[in-house]
Amino acid sequence: MVLEKGQEGKLSSLFSLAWDFWWRRNQMIQEQKSIAVQQVIDYALSVQRSFIDLKQLQKPKVRAYYEWKPPPIDWLKLSVDGAVFGEINRAGVGFVLRDGKGDVLLAASEIEFEVKDAEPIELLAILRALQFCANMGIQRMMVESDCLMAVQVLNNEIETAVLDPLVQEIRKLQGVYVECKFQHVYRESNRVAHKLAQFTGNVEDISM
């Protein structure tokens, strides 16, 4: 069977129909139940329709789940990410600051030459972003990262002595704000910061 691009849904439908026919066959053999052919076909088509309806229902919900979400009223949201480029002995951070309307207030990419591992660059991305925003008079800041480990460390959920110096520096900057929270998001919700971090492979210092 050959499917053209974009026809993957037909394959899923075929599998759902085949599974139903197989299950009905086993019922007939193992339980000695006699089922009319038309009943089997009708039920299989019903399964197919339910599968299609469910798939169409889930698509917008999945997209909405992964979309960037605005911060609460009177808060700003700082999305951050880090990237390591081992082949050119370079790392970089990217961050974007947005308000409750989704308007971009600041976006930047910055190179880091002293970091070679993924864990410290994610924390360093948070540190650099908070340093950049420290003198902007922001009262309430929500920081988002797609690195679960970094968020857990900053929320005192796990400990790591190796990264403690970075954590302590972030703690100091956290005190600049009336409130400053850290939360984890999936990579799909952090696409802008991710692209800004990746962009550091092409810049010489800081790009805003």
N, C-alpha and C. Protein backbone atom coordinates (compact mmCIF):
# COMPACT_ATOMS: atom_id res chain seq x y z
N MET A 1 0.84 -1.19 0.00
CA MET A 1 0.00 0.00 0.00
C MET A 1 0.88 1.25 0.00
N VAL A 2 0.63 2.18 -0.92
CA VAL A 2 1.42 3.39 -1.04
C VAL A 2 0.53 4.59 -0.73
N LEU A 3 0.98 5.43 0.20
CA LEU A 3 0.23 6.63 0.56
C LEU A 3 1.01 7.86 0.14
N GLU A 4 0.32 8.83 -0.42
CA GLU A 4 0.96 10.09 -0.75
C GLU A 4 1.09 10.94 0.50
N LYS A 5 1.96 11.95 0.43
CA LYS A 5 2.16 12.84 1.56
C LYS A 5 0.85 13.52 1.93
N GLY A 6 0.56 13.56 3.24
CA GLY A 6 -0.67 14.18 3.70
C GLY A 6 -1.82 13.20 3.85
N GLN A 7 -1.58 11.92 3.49
CA GLN A 7 -2.65 10.92 3.57
C GLN A 7 -2.45 9.95 4.72
N GLU A 8 -1.62 10.35 5.72
CA GLU A 8 -1.34 9.46 6.84
C GLU A 8 -2.61 9.10 7.60
N GLY A 9 -3.61 10.00 7.56
CA GLY A 9 -4.86 9.74 8.26
C GLY A 9 -5.58 8.52 7.72
N LYS A 10 -5.43 8.25 6.41
CA LYS A 10 -6.07 7.08 5.81
C LYS A 10 -5.48 5.80 6.39
N LEU A 11 -4.17 5.82 6.65
CA LEU A 11 -3.53 4.64 7.22
C LEU A 11 -4.05 4.38 8.63
N SER A 12 -4.22 5.45 9.42
CA SER A 12 -4.76 5.30 10.77
C SER A 12 -6.17 4.74 10.73
N SER A 13 -6.98 5.22 9.76
CA SER A 13 -8.34 4.71 9.62
C SER A 13 -8.34 3.24 9.25
N LEU A 14 -7.42 2.86 8.36
CA LEU A 14 -7.31 1.46 7.94
C LEU A 14 -6.99 0.56 9.13
N PHE A 15 -6.07 1.01 9.98
CA PHE A 15 -5.70 0.22 11.15
C PHE A 15 -6.87 0.08 12.12
N SER A 16 -7.64 1.16 12.30
CA SER A 16 -8.77 1.09 13.22
C SER A 16 -9.83 0.12 12.70
N LEU A 17 -10.06 0.12 11.39
CA LEU A 17 -11.02 -0.82 10.79
C LEU A 17 -10.51 -2.25 10.90
N ALA A 18 -9.22 -2.45 10.60
CA ALA A 18 -8.65 -3.79 10.65
C ALA A 18 -8.70 -4.35 12.07
N TRP A 19 -8.43 -3.48 13.06
CA TRP A 19 -8.47 -3.94 14.45
C TRP A 19 -9.88 -4.40 14.82
N ASP A 20 -10.89 -3.65 14.38
CA ASP A 20 -12.27 -4.02 14.73
C ASP A 20 -12.65 -5.34 14.09
N PHE A 21 -12.29 -5.52 12.81
CA PHE A 21 -12.58 -6.79 12.15
C PHE A 21 -11.89 -7.94 12.88
N TRP A 22 -10.64 -7.75 13.28
CA TRP A 22 -9.87 -8.79 13.96
C TRP A 22 -10.51 -9.14 15.31
N TRP A 23 -10.94 -8.08 16.05
CA TRP A 23 -11.56 -8.30 17.36
C TRP A 23 -12.87 -9.06 17.22
N ARG A 24 -13.68 -8.71 16.22
CA ARG A 24 -14.95 -9.40 15.99
C ARG A 24 -14.71 -10.86 15.60
N ARG A 25 -13.67 -11.09 14.80
CA ARG A 25 -13.34 -12.46 14.40
C ARG A 25 -13.00 -13.31 15.62
N ASN A 26 -12.20 -12.72 16.54
CA ASN A 26 -11.84 -13.46 17.75
C ASN A 26 -13.06 -13.76 18.61
N GLN A 27 -14.01 -12.83 18.66
CA GLN A 27 -15.24 -13.08 19.39
C GLN A 27 -15.98 -14.30 18.84
N MET A 28 -16.03 -14.37 17.52
CA MET A 28 -16.73 -15.49 16.88
C MET A 28 -16.05 -16.81 17.18
N ILE A 29 -14.70 -16.81 17.17
CA ILE A 29 -13.95 -18.06 17.36
C ILE A 29 -13.93 -18.47 18.83
N GLN A 30 -13.59 -17.53 19.72
CA GLN A 30 -13.38 -17.87 21.13
C GLN A 30 -14.69 -17.97 21.91
N GLU A 31 -15.65 -17.11 21.60
CA GLU A 31 -16.90 -17.10 22.36
C GLU A 31 -18.05 -17.73 21.58
N GLN A 32 -17.72 -18.16 20.36
CA GLN A 32 -18.71 -18.82 19.50
C GLN A 32 -19.97 -17.96 19.33
N LYS A 33 -19.71 -16.67 19.11
CA LYS A 33 -20.81 -15.75 18.87
C LYS A 33 -20.98 -15.54 17.38
N SER A 34 -22.18 -15.59 16.94
CA SER A 34 -22.47 -15.36 15.53
C SER A 34 -22.90 -13.91 15.34
N ILE A 35 -22.14 -13.17 14.52
CA ILE A 35 -22.42 -11.76 14.29
C ILE A 35 -22.67 -11.53 12.81
N ALA A 36 -23.75 -10.85 12.50
CA ALA A 36 -24.09 -10.58 11.11
C ALA A 36 -23.01 -9.72 10.45
N VAL A 37 -22.74 -10.01 9.18
CA VAL A 37 -21.70 -9.28 8.45
C VAL A 37 -21.99 -7.79 8.42
N GLN A 38 -23.25 -7.42 8.18
CA GLN A 38 -23.60 -6.00 8.11
C GLN A 38 -23.38 -5.31 9.45
N GLN A 39 -23.62 -6.04 10.55
CA GLN A 39 -23.40 -5.47 11.88
C GLN A 39 -21.93 -5.18 12.11
N VAL A 40 -21.07 -6.09 11.66
CA VAL A 40 -19.63 -5.88 11.78
C VAL A 40 -19.19 -4.66 10.99
N ILE A 41 -19.70 -4.54 9.76
CA ILE A 41 -19.33 -3.41 8.90
C ILE A 41 -19.81 -2.09 9.50
N ASP A 42 -21.07 -2.08 9.97
CA ASP A 42 -21.63 -0.85 10.55
C ASP A 42 -20.83 -0.40 11.77
N TYR A 43 -20.47 -1.37 12.62
CA TYR A 43 -19.73 -1.02 13.83
C TYR A 43 -18.33 -0.52 13.48
N ALA A 44 -17.70 -1.16 12.49
CA ALA A 44 -16.36 -0.74 12.08
C ALA A 44 -16.38 0.68 11.53
N LEU A 45 -17.40 1.00 10.74
CA LEU A 45 -17.52 2.35 10.20
C LEU A 45 -17.79 3.36 11.31
N SER A 46 -18.52 2.93 12.33
CA SER A 46 -18.78 3.80 13.47
C SER A 46 -17.48 4.11 14.22
N VAL A 47 -16.64 3.08 14.38
CA VAL A 47 -15.33 3.27 15.02
C VAL A 47 -14.49 4.25 14.21
N GLN A 48 -14.53 4.10 12.88
CA GLN A 48 -13.76 5.00 12.02
C GLN A 48 -14.24 6.45 12.17
N ARG A 49 -15.55 6.67 12.18
CA ARG A 49 -16.09 8.02 12.32
C ARG A 49 -15.71 8.63 13.67
N SER A 50 -15.77 7.81 14.72
CA SER A 50 -15.40 8.29 16.05
C SER A 50 -13.93 8.69 16.10
N PHE A 51 -13.10 7.89 15.43
CA PHE A 51 -11.67 8.17 15.38
C PHE A 51 -11.41 9.50 14.68
N ILE A 52 -12.08 9.73 13.55
CA ILE A 52 -11.90 10.97 12.79
C ILE A 52 -12.39 12.17 13.60
N ASP A 53 -13.56 12.03 14.24
CA ASP A 53 -14.11 13.13 15.04
C ASP A 53 -13.19 13.49 16.20
N LEU A 54 -12.66 12.46 16.87
CA LEU A 54 -11.76 12.70 18.00
C LEU A 54 -10.48 13.37 17.55
N LYS A 55 -9.95 12.94 16.41
CA LYS A 55 -8.71 13.52 15.90
C LYS A 55 -8.90 14.99 15.56
N GLN A 56 -10.03 15.33 14.94
CA GLN A 56 -10.31 16.72 14.59
C GLN A 56 -10.54 17.57 15.84
N LEU A 57 -11.12 16.97 16.86
CA LEU A 57 -11.38 17.69 18.10
C LEU A 57 -10.10 17.99 18.85
N GLN A 58 -9.15 17.06 18.81
CA GLN A 58 -7.94 17.19 19.62
C GLN A 58 -6.94 18.17 19.03
N LYS A 59 -6.91 18.35 17.71
CA LYS A 59 -5.87 19.17 17.09
C LYS A 59 -5.81 20.59 17.66
N PRO A 60 -6.93 21.33 17.66
CA PRO A 60 -6.84 22.69 18.22
C PRO A 60 -6.52 22.71 19.70
N LYS A 61 -6.97 21.69 20.45
CA LYS A 61 -6.68 21.64 21.87
C LYS A 61 -5.19 21.43 22.12
N VAL A 62 -4.56 20.57 21.31
CA VAL A 62 -3.13 20.32 21.45
C VAL A 62 -2.35 21.58 21.12
N ARG A 63 -2.73 22.26 20.02
CA ARG A 63 -2.03 23.49 19.65
C ARG A 63 -2.17 24.54 20.74
N ALA A 64 -3.38 24.67 21.29
CA ALA A 64 -3.61 25.67 22.33
C ALA A 64 -2.80 25.36 23.58
N TYR A 65 -2.65 24.07 23.88
CA TYR A 65 -1.90 23.65 25.07
C TYR A 65 -0.44 24.09 24.99
N TYR A 66 0.13 24.04 23.78
CA TYR A 66 1.54 24.35 23.61
C TYR A 66 1.81 25.81 23.25
N GLU A 67 0.78 26.60 23.05
CA GLU A 67 0.99 28.00 22.70
C GLU A 67 1.52 28.80 23.90
N TRP A 68 2.27 29.88 23.58
CA TRP A 68 2.73 30.78 24.63
C TRP A 68 1.52 31.43 25.29
N LYS A 69 1.53 31.49 26.60
CA LYS A 69 0.40 32.06 27.34
C LYS A 69 0.84 33.35 28.02
N PRO A 70 0.02 34.39 27.95
CA PRO A 70 0.39 35.68 28.56
C PRO A 70 0.43 35.60 30.08
N PRO A 71 1.19 36.48 30.71
CA PRO A 71 1.27 36.49 32.18
C PRO A 71 0.01 37.12 32.78
N PRO A 72 -0.17 36.98 34.08
CA PRO A 72 -1.31 37.62 34.76
C PRO A 72 -1.20 39.15 34.68
N ILE A 73 -2.26 39.83 35.02
CA ILE A 73 -2.28 41.29 35.03
C ILE A 73 -1.18 41.81 35.98
N ASP A 74 -0.49 42.86 35.54
CA ASP A 74 0.59 43.51 36.30
C ASP A 74 1.87 42.69 36.35
N TRP A 75 1.94 41.63 35.57
CA TRP A 75 3.16 40.84 35.48
C TRP A 75 3.73 40.96 34.07
N LEU A 76 5.05 40.73 33.96
CA LEU A 76 5.70 40.56 32.66
C LEU A 76 6.28 39.15 32.61
N LYS A 77 6.39 38.63 31.41
CA LYS A 77 6.92 37.27 31.27
C LYS A 77 8.22 37.29 30.48
N LEU A 78 9.22 36.63 31.05
CA LEU A 78 10.55 36.55 30.46
C LEU A 78 10.81 35.10 30.04
N SER A 79 10.83 34.86 28.74
CA SER A 79 11.10 33.52 28.22
C SER A 79 12.58 33.41 27.88
N VAL A 80 13.23 32.36 28.35
CA VAL A 80 14.68 32.24 28.17
C VAL A 80 15.05 30.86 27.64
N ASP A 81 16.23 30.80 27.00
CA ASP A 81 16.74 29.51 26.55
C ASP A 81 18.24 29.64 26.32
N GLY A 82 18.92 28.50 26.35
CA GLY A 82 20.35 28.47 26.10
C GLY A 82 20.68 27.46 25.02
N ALA A 83 21.84 27.62 24.40
CA ALA A 83 22.26 26.70 23.34
C ALA A 83 23.77 26.53 23.42
N VAL A 84 24.23 25.31 23.15
CA VAL A 84 25.67 25.01 23.14
C VAL A 84 26.05 24.55 21.74
N PHE A 85 27.10 25.17 21.20
CA PHE A 85 27.60 24.82 19.87
C PHE A 85 29.00 24.23 20.02
N GLY A 86 29.06 22.93 20.25
CA GLY A 86 30.33 22.27 20.51
C GLY A 86 31.31 22.36 19.38
N GLU A 87 30.81 22.38 18.14
CA GLU A 87 31.70 22.37 16.98
C GLU A 87 32.47 23.67 16.81
N ILE A 88 31.96 24.77 17.38
CA ILE A 88 32.66 26.05 17.27
C ILE A 88 33.07 26.57 18.65
N ASN A 89 32.99 25.70 19.66
CA ASN A 89 33.42 26.04 21.02
C ASN A 89 32.75 27.32 21.51
N ARG A 90 31.43 27.33 21.41
CA ARG A 90 30.67 28.52 21.76
C ARG A 90 29.32 28.12 22.33
N ALA A 91 28.79 28.96 23.19
CA ALA A 91 27.42 28.79 23.70
C ALA A 91 26.73 30.14 23.60
N GLY A 92 25.44 30.14 23.85
CA GLY A 92 24.72 31.40 23.77
C GLY A 92 23.39 31.33 24.49
N VAL A 93 22.85 32.49 24.78
CA VAL A 93 21.55 32.57 25.44
C VAL A 93 20.64 33.49 24.63
N GLY A 94 19.35 33.24 24.76
CA GLY A 94 18.36 34.08 24.11
C GLY A 94 17.21 34.33 25.07
N PHE A 95 16.65 35.52 25.03
CA PHE A 95 15.51 35.80 25.90
C PHE A 95 14.62 36.86 25.28
N VAL A 96 13.34 36.78 25.64
CA VAL A 96 12.36 37.73 25.13
C VAL A 96 11.42 38.11 26.27
N LEU A 97 11.17 39.39 26.42
CA LEU A 97 10.30 39.93 27.48
C LEU A 97 9.00 40.40 26.84
N ARG A 98 7.87 39.90 27.35
CA ARG A 98 6.57 40.26 26.79
C ARG A 98 5.59 40.62 27.90
N ASP A 99 4.61 41.45 27.52
CA ASP A 99 3.59 41.85 28.49
C ASP A 99 2.34 40.99 28.33
N GLY A 100 1.29 41.35 29.06
CA GLY A 100 0.07 40.56 29.05
C GLY A 100 -0.65 40.53 27.72
N LYS A 101 -0.34 41.49 26.83
CA LYS A 101 -0.94 41.51 25.50
C LYS A 101 -0.13 40.70 24.49
N GLY A 102 1.04 40.23 24.93
CA GLY A 102 1.92 39.50 24.03
C GLY A 102 2.87 40.41 23.28
N ASP A 103 2.85 41.71 23.58
CA ASP A 103 3.75 42.65 22.91
C ASP A 103 5.18 42.44 23.41
N VAL A 104 6.13 42.44 22.49
CA VAL A 104 7.54 42.25 22.83
C VAL A 104 8.14 43.56 23.32
N LEU A 105 8.67 43.55 24.53
CA LEU A 105 9.31 44.73 25.11
C LEU A 105 10.82 44.68 24.93
N LEU A 106 11.35 43.47 24.83
CA LEU A 106 12.79 43.29 24.69
C LEU A 106 13.06 41.89 24.16
N ALA A 107 14.02 41.79 23.25
CA ALA A 107 14.47 40.48 22.76
C ALA A 107 15.96 40.57 22.48
N ALA A 108 16.72 39.58 22.91
CA ALA A 108 18.17 39.66 22.74
C ALA A 108 18.79 38.27 22.64
N SER A 109 19.95 38.24 21.99
CA SER A 109 20.79 37.04 21.91
C SER A 109 22.19 37.43 22.38
N GLU A 110 22.82 36.58 23.18
CA GLU A 110 24.15 36.91 23.72
C GLU A 110 25.04 35.68 23.72
N ILE A 111 26.28 35.85 23.29
CA ILE A 111 27.24 34.75 23.24
C ILE A 111 27.86 34.51 24.61
N GLU A 112 28.12 33.24 24.93
CA GLU A 112 28.83 32.85 26.15
C GLU A 112 29.94 31.89 25.73
N PHE A 113 31.19 32.25 26.02
CA PHE A 113 32.31 31.42 25.59
C PHE A 113 32.80 30.44 26.65
N GLU A 114 32.42 30.65 27.90
CA GLU A 114 32.98 29.85 28.99
C GLU A 114 32.14 28.64 29.35
N VAL A 115 31.05 28.40 28.65
CA VAL A 115 30.14 27.31 29.00
C VAL A 115 30.13 26.28 27.88
N LYS A 116 30.24 25.00 28.27
CA LYS A 116 30.27 23.93 27.28
C LYS A 116 29.20 22.87 27.51
N ASP A 117 28.46 22.98 28.62
CA ASP A 117 27.46 21.97 28.96
C ASP A 117 26.06 22.57 28.96
N ALA A 118 25.06 21.72 28.74
CA ALA A 118 23.68 22.19 28.62
C ALA A 118 23.12 22.71 29.93
N GLU A 119 23.41 22.03 31.05
CA GLU A 119 22.80 22.41 32.33
C GLU A 119 23.18 23.83 32.76
N PRO A 120 24.48 24.17 32.79
CA PRO A 120 24.82 25.54 33.21
C PRO A 120 24.34 26.61 32.24
N ILE A 121 24.28 26.33 30.95
CA ILE A 121 23.86 27.37 30.00
C ILE A 121 22.39 27.72 30.20
N GLU A 122 21.58 26.77 30.64
CA GLU A 122 20.17 27.08 30.88
C GLU A 122 20.01 28.01 32.08
N LEU A 123 20.78 27.76 33.13
CA LEU A 123 20.75 28.66 34.29
C LEU A 123 21.39 30.01 33.95
N LEU A 124 22.44 29.97 33.15
CA LEU A 124 23.09 31.22 32.75
C LEU A 124 22.15 32.07 31.90
N ALA A 125 21.31 31.42 31.11
CA ALA A 125 20.33 32.16 30.31
C ALA A 125 19.38 32.94 31.22
N ILE A 126 18.95 32.30 32.31
CA ILE A 126 18.07 32.97 33.27
C ILE A 126 18.81 34.13 33.94
N LEU A 127 20.06 33.90 34.32
CA LEU A 127 20.85 34.94 34.98
C LEU A 127 21.04 36.15 34.06
N ARG A 128 21.46 35.92 32.82
CA ARG A 128 21.70 37.02 31.89
C ARG A 128 20.41 37.80 31.61
N ALA A 129 19.31 37.09 31.48
CA ALA A 129 18.04 37.76 31.19
C ALA A 129 17.61 38.64 32.36
N LEU A 130 17.76 38.12 33.58
CA LEU A 130 17.39 38.92 34.76
C LEU A 130 18.33 40.11 34.94
N GLN A 131 19.62 39.92 34.64
CA GLN A 131 20.57 41.03 34.70
C GLN A 131 20.17 42.13 33.73
N PHE A 132 19.77 41.73 32.55
CA PHE A 132 19.41 42.68 31.51
C PHE A 132 18.19 43.50 31.91
N CYS A 133 17.27 42.88 32.65
CA CYS A 133 16.01 43.54 33.00
C CYS A 133 16.03 44.19 34.38
N ALA A 134 17.15 44.05 35.10
CA ALA A 134 17.19 44.47 36.50
C ALA A 134 16.92 45.95 36.71
N ASN A 135 17.30 46.79 35.76
CA ASN A 135 17.16 48.25 35.92
C ASN A 135 15.98 48.83 35.15
N MET A 136 15.04 47.98 34.78
CA MET A 136 13.90 48.45 33.99
C MET A 136 12.70 48.82 34.85
N GLY A 137 12.83 48.69 36.16
CA GLY A 137 11.74 49.06 37.05
C GLY A 137 10.57 48.09 37.04
N ILE A 138 10.83 46.85 36.67
CA ILE A 138 9.78 45.83 36.62
C ILE A 138 9.47 45.36 38.04
N GLN A 139 8.20 45.28 38.38
CA GLN A 139 7.78 44.87 39.72
C GLN A 139 7.61 43.35 39.84
N ARG A 140 6.90 42.78 38.88
CA ARG A 140 6.57 41.35 38.96
C ARG A 140 7.00 40.66 37.67
N MET A 141 7.87 39.68 37.84
CA MET A 141 8.47 38.99 36.70
C MET A 141 8.21 37.49 36.78
N MET A 142 7.74 36.92 35.69
CA MET A 142 7.58 35.48 35.58
C MET A 142 8.59 34.98 34.56
N VAL A 143 9.48 34.09 34.98
CA VAL A 143 10.54 33.58 34.11
C VAL A 143 10.19 32.17 33.68
N GLU A 144 10.21 31.94 32.37
CA GLU A 144 9.89 30.62 31.82
C GLU A 144 11.11 30.02 31.13
N SER A 145 11.32 28.73 31.39
CA SER A 145 12.41 27.99 30.75
C SER A 145 11.90 26.60 30.38
N ASP A 146 12.41 26.05 29.28
CA ASP A 146 12.02 24.69 28.93
C ASP A 146 12.98 23.66 29.53
N CYS A 147 13.88 24.12 30.41
CA CYS A 147 14.78 23.21 31.12
C CYS A 147 14.18 22.91 32.50
N LEU A 148 13.62 21.73 32.65
CA LEU A 148 12.95 21.37 33.90
C LEU A 148 13.92 21.39 35.07
N MET A 149 15.14 20.91 34.86
CA MET A 149 16.12 20.86 35.94
C MET A 149 16.41 22.25 36.49
N ALA A 150 16.58 23.24 35.61
CA ALA A 150 16.88 24.60 36.04
C ALA A 150 15.73 25.16 36.89
N VAL A 151 14.52 24.93 36.45
CA VAL A 151 13.35 25.44 37.18
C VAL A 151 13.22 24.74 38.54
N GLN A 152 13.46 23.44 38.57
CA GLN A 152 13.37 22.70 39.83
C GLN A 152 14.42 23.16 40.83
N VAL A 153 15.62 23.45 40.35
CA VAL A 153 16.68 23.94 41.23
C VAL A 153 16.29 25.29 41.83
N LEU A 154 15.79 26.18 40.99
CA LEU A 154 15.44 27.53 41.46
C LEU A 154 14.20 27.53 42.35
N ASN A 155 13.37 26.52 42.22
CA ASN A 155 12.18 26.40 43.08
C ASN A 155 12.43 25.50 44.29
N ASN A 156 13.72 25.19 44.53
CA ASN A 156 14.13 24.38 45.69
C ASN A 156 13.51 22.98 45.69
N GLU A 157 13.27 22.43 44.52
CA GLU A 157 12.71 21.09 44.43
C GLU A 157 13.82 20.04 44.35
N ILE A 158 14.98 20.43 43.82
CA ILE A 158 16.15 19.55 43.80
C ILE A 158 17.38 20.40 44.12
N GLU A 159 18.49 19.73 44.44
CA GLU A 159 19.73 20.43 44.76
C GLU A 159 20.85 19.95 43.84
N THR A 160 21.76 20.85 43.50
CA THR A 160 22.94 20.49 42.72
C THR A 160 24.08 21.43 43.10
N ALA A 161 25.05 20.91 43.82
CA ALA A 161 26.15 21.74 44.33
C ALA A 161 26.99 22.33 43.21
N VAL A 162 27.11 21.61 42.10
CA VAL A 162 27.96 22.06 40.99
C VAL A 162 27.47 23.39 40.44
N LEU A 163 26.16 23.57 40.40
CA LEU A 163 25.58 24.77 39.81
C LEU A 163 25.23 25.83 40.85
N ASP A 164 25.62 25.60 42.10
CA ASP A 164 25.23 26.50 43.18
C ASP A 164 25.67 27.95 42.98
N PRO A 165 26.89 28.23 42.47
CA PRO A 165 27.28 29.63 42.26
C PRO A 165 26.31 30.38 41.34
N LEU A 166 25.87 29.74 40.26
CA LEU A 166 24.91 30.36 39.36
C LEU A 166 23.57 30.58 40.06
N VAL A 167 23.16 29.58 40.83
CA VAL A 167 21.88 29.67 41.54
C VAL A 167 21.90 30.83 42.52
N GLN A 168 23.00 31.01 43.23
CA GLN A 168 23.11 32.09 44.21
C GLN A 168 23.04 33.46 43.53
N GLU A 169 23.67 33.59 42.36
CA GLU A 169 23.61 34.85 41.63
C GLU A 169 22.18 35.16 41.18
N ILE A 170 21.47 34.13 40.76
CA ILE A 170 20.08 34.32 40.35
C ILE A 170 19.23 34.71 41.54
N ARG A 171 19.49 34.11 42.69
CA ARG A 171 18.74 34.44 43.91
C ARG A 171 18.90 35.94 44.25
N LYS A 172 20.12 36.45 44.10
CA LYS A 172 20.35 37.87 44.39
C LYS A 172 19.51 38.76 43.47
N LEU A 173 19.49 38.41 42.19
CA LEU A 173 18.71 39.20 41.23
C LEU A 173 17.22 39.05 41.47
N GLN A 174 16.81 37.91 41.97
CA GLN A 174 15.40 37.69 42.26
C GLN A 174 14.89 38.71 43.27
N GLY A 175 15.79 39.14 44.17
CA GLY A 175 15.42 40.11 45.18
C GLY A 175 15.20 41.52 44.65
N VAL A 176 15.59 41.76 43.40
CA VAL A 176 15.39 43.08 42.79
C VAL A 176 13.90 43.33 42.54
N TYR A 177 13.15 42.26 42.35
CA TYR A 177 11.74 42.37 41.99
C TYR A 177 10.85 42.17 43.22
N VAL A 178 9.69 42.77 43.19
CA VAL A 178 8.71 42.56 44.26
C VAL A 178 8.32 41.08 44.29
N GLU A 179 8.10 40.51 43.11
CA GLU A 179 7.84 39.08 42.97
C GLU A 179 8.54 38.58 41.72
N CYS A 180 9.14 37.42 41.82
CA CYS A 180 9.82 36.81 40.68
C CYS A 180 9.65 35.30 40.77
N LYS A 181 8.96 34.72 39.81
CA LYS A 181 8.66 33.29 39.83
C LYS A 181 9.30 32.59 38.64
N PHE A 182 9.59 31.30 38.83
CA PHE A 182 10.19 30.49 37.77
C PHE A 182 9.25 29.33 37.46
N GLN A 183 8.99 29.12 36.18
CA GLN A 183 8.13 28.00 35.82
C GLN A 183 8.63 27.33 34.55
N HIS A 184 8.32 26.04 34.47
CA HIS A 184 8.75 25.23 33.32
C HIS A 184 7.68 25.24 32.24
N VAL A 185 8.13 25.30 30.98
CA VAL A 185 7.23 25.17 29.84
C VAL A 185 7.86 24.20 28.85
N TYR A 186 7.04 23.66 27.96
CA TYR A 186 7.56 22.77 26.93
C TYR A 186 8.27 23.58 25.85
N ARG A 187 9.17 22.92 25.14
CA ARG A 187 9.94 23.59 24.09
C ARG A 187 9.02 24.28 23.08
N GLU A 188 7.88 23.65 22.78
CA GLU A 188 6.96 24.23 21.81
C GLU A 188 6.40 25.57 22.26
N SER A 189 6.33 25.79 23.57
CA SER A 189 5.84 27.06 24.10
C SER A 189 6.96 28.09 24.24
N ASN A 190 8.18 27.66 23.97
CA ASN A 190 9.34 28.52 24.18
C ASN A 190 10.11 28.74 22.88
N ARG A 191 9.38 28.72 21.77
CA ARG A 191 10.03 28.75 20.45
C ARG A 191 10.81 30.03 20.20
N VAL A 192 10.28 31.18 20.63
CA VAL A 192 10.96 32.45 20.34
C VAL A 192 12.32 32.50 21.04
N ALA A 193 12.34 32.18 22.34
CA ALA A 193 13.60 32.19 23.08
C ALA A 193 14.56 31.15 22.51
N HIS A 194 14.03 30.02 22.09
CA HIS A 194 14.87 28.97 21.51
C HIS A 194 15.56 29.46 20.23
N LYS A 195 14.81 30.13 19.37
CA LYS A 195 15.39 30.64 18.13
C LYS A 195 16.42 31.74 18.41
N LEU A 196 16.15 32.56 19.42
CA LEU A 196 17.11 33.61 19.78
C LEU A 196 18.41 33.00 20.30
N ALA A 197 18.29 31.91 21.07
CA ALA A 197 19.50 31.24 21.57
C ALA A 197 20.27 30.60 20.42
N GLN A 198 19.55 29.98 19.49
CA GLN A 198 20.21 29.36 18.33
C GLN A 198 20.89 30.41 17.45
N PHE A 199 20.34 31.62 17.45
CA PHE A 199 20.88 32.70 16.63
C PHE A 199 22.28 33.11 17.07
N THR A 200 22.64 32.79 18.32
CA THR A 200 23.97 33.19 18.82
C THR A 200 25.09 32.48 18.08
N GLY A 201 24.76 31.46 17.34
CA GLY A 201 25.78 30.82 16.51
C GLY A 201 26.21 31.70 15.35
N ASN A 202 25.48 32.82 15.14
CA ASN A 202 25.75 33.69 13.99
C ASN A 202 26.11 35.12 14.37
N VAL A 203 26.18 35.43 15.69
CA VAL A 203 26.49 36.81 16.10
C VAL A 203 27.83 36.85 16.82
N GLU A 204 28.38 38.05 16.97
CA GLU A 204 29.70 38.21 17.58
C GLU A 204 29.65 38.57 19.06
N ASP A 205 28.56 39.18 19.52
CA ASP A 205 28.49 39.55 20.93
C ASP A 205 27.04 39.54 21.40
N ILE A 206 26.37 40.69 21.35
CA ILE A 206 24.97 40.80 21.74
C ILE A 206 24.18 41.33 20.56
N SER A 207 23.05 40.72 20.29
CA SER A 207 22.16 41.20 19.24
C SER A 207 20.80 41.46 19.85
N MET A 208 20.26 42.66 19.61
CA MET A 208 18.97 43.03 20.19
C MET A 208 18.00 43.43 19.07
